[in-house]
Amino acid sequence: MTQKELAHLIFLSEVVLTGKKKSLMEETLQCLLYIVKSLEEVDLPDSVVDQIERLTGLIETDLREENERMQEIHSHLDWANSRRKALE
């Protein structure tokens, strides 16, 4: 990709992100994922690495909490189903 094409993708990504265009988030992430997957190593300034690490931490925490909530919900559903069957 040329620098011009990358600049355009950056622009589009920023528009989607700042405009909260949820309907386009998947396509935007897919484009960015293709680029990231094609790279073996990236030289980034420390400030950018810090931001990425902070955002990665937020993503991991959110996904962990969501997984824990889903496990809790499934546990309650299993308990309710077994209780209902015992009462039948």
Protein backbone atom coordinates (compact mmCIF):
# COMPACT_ATOMS: atom_id res chain seq x y z
CA MET A 1 0.00 0.00 0.00
CA THR A 2 1.20 3.47 -0.73
CA GLN A 3 1.50 6.18 1.89
CA LYS A 4 -1.47 7.90 0.23
CA GLU A 5 -3.62 4.77 0.55
CA LEU A 6 -2.59 4.33 4.19
CA ALA A 7 -3.38 7.99 4.90
CA HIS A 8 -6.82 7.50 3.37
CA LEU A 9 -7.44 4.40 5.50
CA ILE A 10 -6.36 6.34 8.58
CA PHE A 11 -8.79 9.10 7.67
CA LEU A 12 -11.66 6.66 7.15
CA SER A 13 -10.85 4.85 10.40
CA GLU A 14 -10.87 8.11 12.32
CA VAL A 15 -14.20 9.12 10.78
CA VAL A 16 -15.74 5.76 11.72
CA LEU A 17 -14.31 5.90 15.24
CA THR A 18 -15.04 9.53 16.09
CA GLY A 19 -18.41 9.47 14.33
CA LYS A 20 -19.36 6.28 16.17
CA LYS A 21 -20.35 4.65 12.88
CA LYS A 22 -21.02 1.25 14.42
CA SER A 23 -22.34 -0.15 11.16
CA LEU A 24 -18.86 0.33 9.64
CA MET A 25 -16.76 -0.82 12.60
CA GLU A 26 -16.45 -4.40 11.37
CA GLU A 27 -15.17 -3.37 7.94
CA THR A 28 -12.76 -0.87 9.48
CA LEU A 29 -11.37 -3.44 11.89
CA GLN A 30 -11.05 -5.96 9.07
CA CYS A 31 -8.94 -3.53 7.01
CA LEU A 32 -6.71 -2.73 9.96
CA LEU A 33 -6.41 -6.41 10.86
CA TYR A 34 -5.22 -7.26 7.33
CA ILE A 35 -2.48 -4.66 7.63
CA VAL A 36 -1.39 -5.75 11.09
CA LYS A 37 -1.35 -9.44 10.13
CA SER A 38 0.86 -8.70 7.13
CA LEU A 39 3.57 -7.16 9.32
CA GLU A 40 6.17 -9.14 11.19
CA GLU A 41 7.49 -6.22 13.21
CA VAL A 42 6.63 -2.55 13.57
CA ASP A 43 8.86 0.23 14.84
CA LEU A 44 6.68 2.58 16.89
CA PRO A 45 7.40 5.48 19.21
CA ASP A 46 7.23 4.66 22.93
CA SER A 47 4.18 6.88 23.38
CA VAL A 48 2.27 4.88 20.75
CA VAL A 49 3.35 1.58 22.29
CA ASP A 50 2.14 2.86 25.67
CA GLN A 51 -1.25 3.77 24.20
CA ILE A 52 -1.56 0.40 22.46
CA GLU A 53 -0.67 -1.42 25.67
CA ARG A 54 -3.24 0.63 27.61
CA LEU A 55 -5.96 -0.06 25.02
CA THR A 56 -5.02 -3.74 24.84
CA GLY A 57 -5.35 -3.95 28.62
CA LEU A 58 -8.81 -2.36 28.45
CA ILE A 59 -9.89 -4.80 25.73
CA GLU A 60 -8.58 -7.81 27.66
CA THR A 61 -10.26 -6.67 30.89
CA ASP A 62 -13.57 -6.07 29.15
CA LEU A 63 -13.50 -9.45 27.40
CA ARG A 64 -12.58 -11.22 30.65
CA GLU A 65 -15.44 -9.52 32.51
CA GLU A 66 -17.87 -10.38 29.72
CA ASN A 67 -16.73 -14.00 29.79
CA GLU A 68 -17.16 -14.14 33.55
CA ARG A 69 -20.69 -12.67 33.27
CA MET A 70 -21.59 -15.24 30.61
CA GLN A 71 -20.31 -18.06 32.81
CA GLU A 72 -22.34 -16.69 35.72
CA ILE A 73 -25.46 -16.46 33.55
CA HIS A 74 -25.00 -20.02 32.30
CA SER A 75 -24.49 -21.21 35.87
CA HIS A 76 -27.72 -19.53 36.99
CA LEU A 77 -29.60 -20.94 34.01
CA ASP A 78 -28.28 -24.43 34.71
CA TRP A 79 -29.30 -24.07 38.37
CA ALA A 80 -32.77 -22.81 37.42
CA ASN A 81 -33.26 -25.62 34.91
CA SER A 82 -32.18 -28.29 37.37
CA ARG A 83 -34.45 -26.79 40.05
CA ARG A 84 -37.40 -26.70 37.62
CA LYS A 85 -36.80 -30.35 36.66
CA ALA A 86 -36.63 -31.34 40.33
CA LEU A 87 -40.00 -29.67 40.97
CA GLU A 88 -41.69 -31.47 38.06
